[in-house]
Amino acid sequence: MKKFFIIYANIFAIIWIGTGLHALISGQPKAFNTLLFGLAFSIVIFLASWFSYWMINRIKQIDAMAREITTKK
């Protein structure tokens, strides 16, 4: 599952940063804003992917602890 999150985040980061770089190179208006948006979006998508991966693992740990507690009684 972590591999999927990393690939997903990388694809979107490449798309947005590439769009910003293309706009900057071609001299389009607001190109720097597009590049900054792409960088910010990339950071957010990486953090969201990491957080969701962490959350899934934490839920699995809590489920295992709950299963252990309920089977002891």
Protein backbone atom coordinates (compact mmCIF):
# COMPACT_ATOMS: atom_id res chain seq x y z
CA MET A 1 0.00 0.00 0.00
CA LYS A 2 2.83 2.41 0.77
CA LYS A 3 4.21 1.85 -2.72
CA PHE A 4 0.91 3.00 -4.21
CA PHE A 5 0.94 6.18 -2.11
CA ILE A 6 4.51 6.98 -3.16
CA ILE A 7 3.81 6.39 -6.86
CA TYR A 8 0.58 8.40 -6.71
CA ALA A 9 2.28 11.34 -4.97
CA ASN A 10 5.24 11.27 -7.36
CA ILE A 11 3.04 11.31 -10.46
CA PHE A 12 1.07 14.32 -9.29
CA ALA A 13 4.20 16.11 -8.10
CA ILE A 14 5.87 15.61 -11.48
CA ILE A 15 2.78 16.86 -13.30
CA TRP A 16 2.42 20.03 -11.23
CA ILE A 17 6.10 20.91 -11.03
CA GLY A 18 6.46 20.18 -14.73
CA THR A 19 3.53 22.47 -15.50
CA GLY A 20 5.11 25.23 -13.42
CA LEU A 21 8.50 24.81 -15.07
CA HIS A 22 6.92 24.78 -18.53
CA ALA A 23 5.05 27.98 -17.74
CA LEU A 24 8.23 29.60 -16.43
CA ILE A 25 10.31 28.58 -19.45
CA SER A 26 7.68 29.65 -21.98
CA GLY A 27 7.26 33.02 -20.27
CA GLN A 28 3.58 32.74 -19.50
CA PRO A 29 1.98 35.28 -17.17
CA LYS A 30 1.83 34.19 -13.53
CA ALA A 31 4.34 31.41 -14.28
CA PHE A 32 6.11 31.81 -10.94
CA ASN A 33 2.78 31.48 -9.13
CA THR A 34 2.08 28.28 -11.05
CA LEU A 35 5.47 26.88 -10.08
CA LEU A 36 4.95 27.82 -6.42
CA PHE A 37 1.51 26.20 -6.49
CA GLY A 38 3.05 23.05 -7.96
CA LEU A 39 5.69 22.91 -5.25
CA ALA A 40 3.14 23.54 -2.49
CA PHE A 41 0.79 20.94 -3.95
CA SER A 42 3.62 18.42 -4.09
CA ILE A 43 4.51 18.99 -0.45
CA VAL A 44 0.87 18.68 0.62
CA ILE A 45 0.30 15.48 -1.37
CA PHE A 46 3.45 13.91 0.09
CA LEU A 47 2.39 14.85 3.62
CA ALA A 48 -1.15 13.57 3.03
CA SER A 49 0.22 10.28 1.66
CA TRP A 50 2.53 9.86 4.63
CA PHE A 51 -0.25 10.72 7.09
CA SER A 52 -2.71 8.26 5.55
CA TYR A 53 -0.07 5.52 5.58
CA TRP A 54 0.67 6.29 9.25
CA MET A 55 -3.05 6.33 10.05
CA ILE A 56 -3.65 2.93 8.41
CA ASN A 57 -0.79 1.38 10.40
CA ARG A 58 -2.05 2.95 13.63
CA ILE A 59 -5.57 1.59 13.03
CA LYS A 60 -4.10 -1.88 12.45
CA GLN A 61 -2.24 -1.65 15.77
CA ILE A 62 -5.38 -0.55 17.61
CA ASP A 63 -7.37 -3.38 16.04
CA ALA A 64 -4.72 -5.89 17.10
CA MET A 65 -4.77 -4.55 20.68
CA ALA A 66 -8.58 -4.67 20.76
CA ARG A 67 -8.57 -8.24 19.44
CA GLU A 68 -6.04 -9.22 22.10
CA ILE A 69 -8.10 -7.64 24.88
CA THR A 70 -11.35 -9.25 23.78
CA THR A 71 -9.87 -12.74 23.39
CA LYS A 72 -8.36 -12.72 26.89
CA LYS A 73 -11.76 -12.46 28.59
